[in-house]
Every structure is written in structure tokens, then in C-alpha cells.
């Protein structure tokens, strides 16, 4: 098993930030962990099975496509 973690952090004001972390491994059928820490320090965590993760990716892709289409108008 090879575990991978990707982290995105966006600094806001002094000492405040938003952080998104995704952890997954190369074992078929295992969940993918998604952690989101908001500017107030609140943490939201998800453990998504492969089907749920695929659905989330599709929804995010649709949202991005919609925003790009409206921006092009």
C-alpha cells in the first residue's frame, strides 16, 4: 500500500487560512479521506468510498464547467 496526501492551503488574513487535505492509497476499494479546515478553525471530514468519490468529482466538474460557460458569455 502506498499512501498519498495532497494539501492545499490559502492564507487569508494574519494567522487565518483555509486548508483542504486529501489522503488516499493505491488499494482498490478503500475510502478517500477529505479534510477541510475553515478560517475559524472548524474541521469537516469525509471518508468517501470510490463510488461516492466519483460522484463528487462529477458534480465538481459540472460546477466548474457551468461557471466557465457563464464567464465566457
C-alpha atoms as a PDB file:
ATOM      1  CA  UNK A   1       0.000   0.000   0.000  1.00  0.00           C
ATOM      2  CA  UNK A   2       1.286   3.446  -0.949  1.00  0.00           C
ATOM      3  CA  UNK A   3      -0.481   6.312   0.812  1.00  0.00           C
ATOM      4  CA  UNK A   4      -0.525   9.787  -0.734  1.00  0.00           C
ATOM      5  CA  UNK A   5      -1.575  13.079   0.846  1.00  0.00           C
ATOM      6  CA  UNK A   6      -2.159  16.299  -1.083  1.00  0.00           C
ATOM      7  CA  UNK A   7      -2.662  19.585   0.754  1.00  0.00           C
ATOM      8  CA  UNK A   8      -3.966  22.942  -0.439  1.00  0.00           C
ATOM      9  CA  UNK A   9      -3.705  25.985   1.816  1.00  0.00           C
ATOM     10  CA  UNK A  10      -4.903  29.514   1.125  1.00  0.00           C
ATOM     11  CA  UNK A  11      -3.811  32.220   3.546  1.00  0.00           C
ATOM     12  CA  UNK A  12      -6.467  34.803   4.370  1.00  0.00           C
ATOM     13  CA  UNK A  13      -5.566  37.416   6.960  1.00  0.00           C
ATOM     14  CA  UNK A  14      -2.823  37.280   9.554  1.00  0.00           C
ATOM     15  CA  UNK A  15      -2.983  33.828  11.131  1.00  0.00           C
ATOM     16  CA  UNK A  16      -6.140  32.753   9.282  1.00  0.00           C
ATOM     17  CA  UNK A  17      -6.202  30.233   6.473  1.00  0.00           C
ATOM     18  CA  UNK A  18      -8.312  27.684   4.660  1.00  0.00           C
ATOM     19  CA  UNK A  19      -6.870  24.192   4.241  1.00  0.00           C
ATOM     20  CA  UNK A  20      -8.021  21.262   2.123  1.00  0.00           C
ATOM     21  CA  UNK A  21      -6.355  17.856   2.513  1.00  0.00           C
ATOM     22  CA  UNK A  22      -6.936  14.667   0.532  1.00  0.00           C
ATOM     23  CA  UNK A  23      -5.409  11.326   1.543  1.00  0.00           C
ATOM     24  CA  UNK A  24      -5.704   8.115  -0.441  1.00  0.00           C
ATOM     25  CA  UNK A  25      -3.843   4.885  -1.089  1.00  0.00           C
ATOM     26  CA  UNK A  26      -3.434   2.576  -4.049  1.00  0.00           C
ATOM     27  CA  UNK A  27      -5.536  -0.283  -2.612  1.00  0.00           C
ATOM     28  CA  UNK A  28      -8.689  -0.900  -4.662  1.00  0.00           C
ATOM     29  CA  UNK A  29     -11.952  -0.172  -2.886  1.00  0.00           C
ATOM     30  CA  UNK A  30     -10.512   1.812   0.014  1.00  0.00           C
ATOM     31  CA  UNK A  31     -12.042   5.142   1.056  1.00  0.00           C
ATOM     32  CA  UNK A  32     -10.521   8.524   0.287  1.00  0.00           C
ATOM     33  CA  UNK A  33     -10.213  10.962   3.185  1.00  0.00           C
ATOM     34  CA  UNK A  34     -11.065  14.618   2.604  1.00  0.00           C
ATOM     35  CA  UNK A  35     -10.476  17.147   5.362  1.00  0.00           C
ATOM     36  CA  UNK A  36     -11.459  20.828   5.182  1.00  0.00           C
ATOM     37  CA  UNK A  37     -10.459  23.371   7.818  1.00  0.00           C
ATOM     38  CA  UNK A  38     -12.228  26.721   7.537  1.00  0.00           C
ATOM     39  CA  UNK A  39     -10.910  30.141   8.538  1.00  0.00           C
ATOM     40  CA  UNK A  40     -12.399  29.779  12.041  1.00  0.00           C
ATOM     41  CA  UNK A  41     -10.524  26.504  12.588  1.00  0.00           C
ATOM     42  CA  UNK A  42     -13.600  24.286  12.181  1.00  0.00           C
ATOM     43  CA  UNK A  43     -12.807  20.894  10.667  1.00  0.00           C
ATOM     44  CA  UNK A  44     -15.062  18.927   8.331  1.00  0.00           C
ATOM     45  CA  UNK A  45     -14.026  15.384   7.449  1.00  0.00           C
ATOM     46  CA  UNK A  46     -15.305  12.909   4.865  1.00  0.00           C
ATOM     47  CA  UNK A  47     -14.303   9.321   4.150  1.00  0.00           C
ATOM     48  CA  UNK A  48     -15.709   8.580   0.694  1.00  0.00           C
ATOM     49  CA  UNK A  49     -15.886   5.141  -0.876  1.00  0.00           C
ATOM     50  CA  UNK A  50     -14.863   5.003  -4.563  1.00  0.00           C
ATOM     51  CA  UNK A  51     -18.436   5.389  -5.910  1.00  0.00           C
ATOM     52  CA  UNK A  52     -19.147   8.407  -3.688  1.00  0.00           C
ATOM     53  CA  UNK A  53     -15.810   9.961  -4.611  1.00  0.00           C
ATOM     54  CA  UNK A  54     -16.564   9.515  -8.306  1.00  0.00           C
ATOM     55  CA  UNK A  55     -19.970  11.184  -7.858  1.00  0.00           C
ATOM     56  CA  UNK A  56     -18.366  14.110  -6.011  1.00  0.00           C
ATOM     57  CA  UNK A  57     -15.757  14.561  -8.755  1.00  0.00           C
ATOM     58  CA  UNK A  58     -18.500  14.584 -11.403  1.00  0.00           C
ATOM     59  CA  UNK A  59     -20.519  17.196  -9.500  1.00  0.00           C
ATOM     60  CA  UNK A  60     -17.466  19.429  -9.019  1.00  0.00           C
ATOM     61  CA  UNK A  61     -16.616  19.088 -12.703  1.00  0.00           C
ATOM     62  CA  UNK A  62     -20.176  20.084 -13.642  1.00  0.00           C
ATOM     63  CA  UNK A  63     -19.975  23.124 -11.365  1.00  0.00           C
ATOM     64  CA  UNK A  64     -16.662  24.212 -12.906  1.00  0.00           C
ATOM     65  CA  UNK A  65     -17.985  23.758 -16.442  1.00  0.00           C
ATOM     66  CA  UNK A  66     -21.084  25.798 -15.612  1.00  0.00           C
ATOM     67  CA  UNK A  67     -19.029  28.652 -14.133  1.00  0.00           C
ATOM     68  CA  UNK A  68     -16.677  28.701 -17.140  1.00  0.00           C
ATOM     69  CA  UNK A  69     -19.633  28.780 -19.569  1.00  0.00           C
ATOM     70  CA  UNK A  70     -21.157  31.778 -17.758  1.00  0.00           C
ATOM     71  CA  UNK A  71     -17.831  33.575 -17.638  1.00  0.00           C
ATOM     72  CA  UNK A  72     -17.406  33.175 -21.420  1.00  0.00           C
ATOM     73  CA  UNK A  73     -20.737  34.909 -22.125  1.00  0.00           C
END
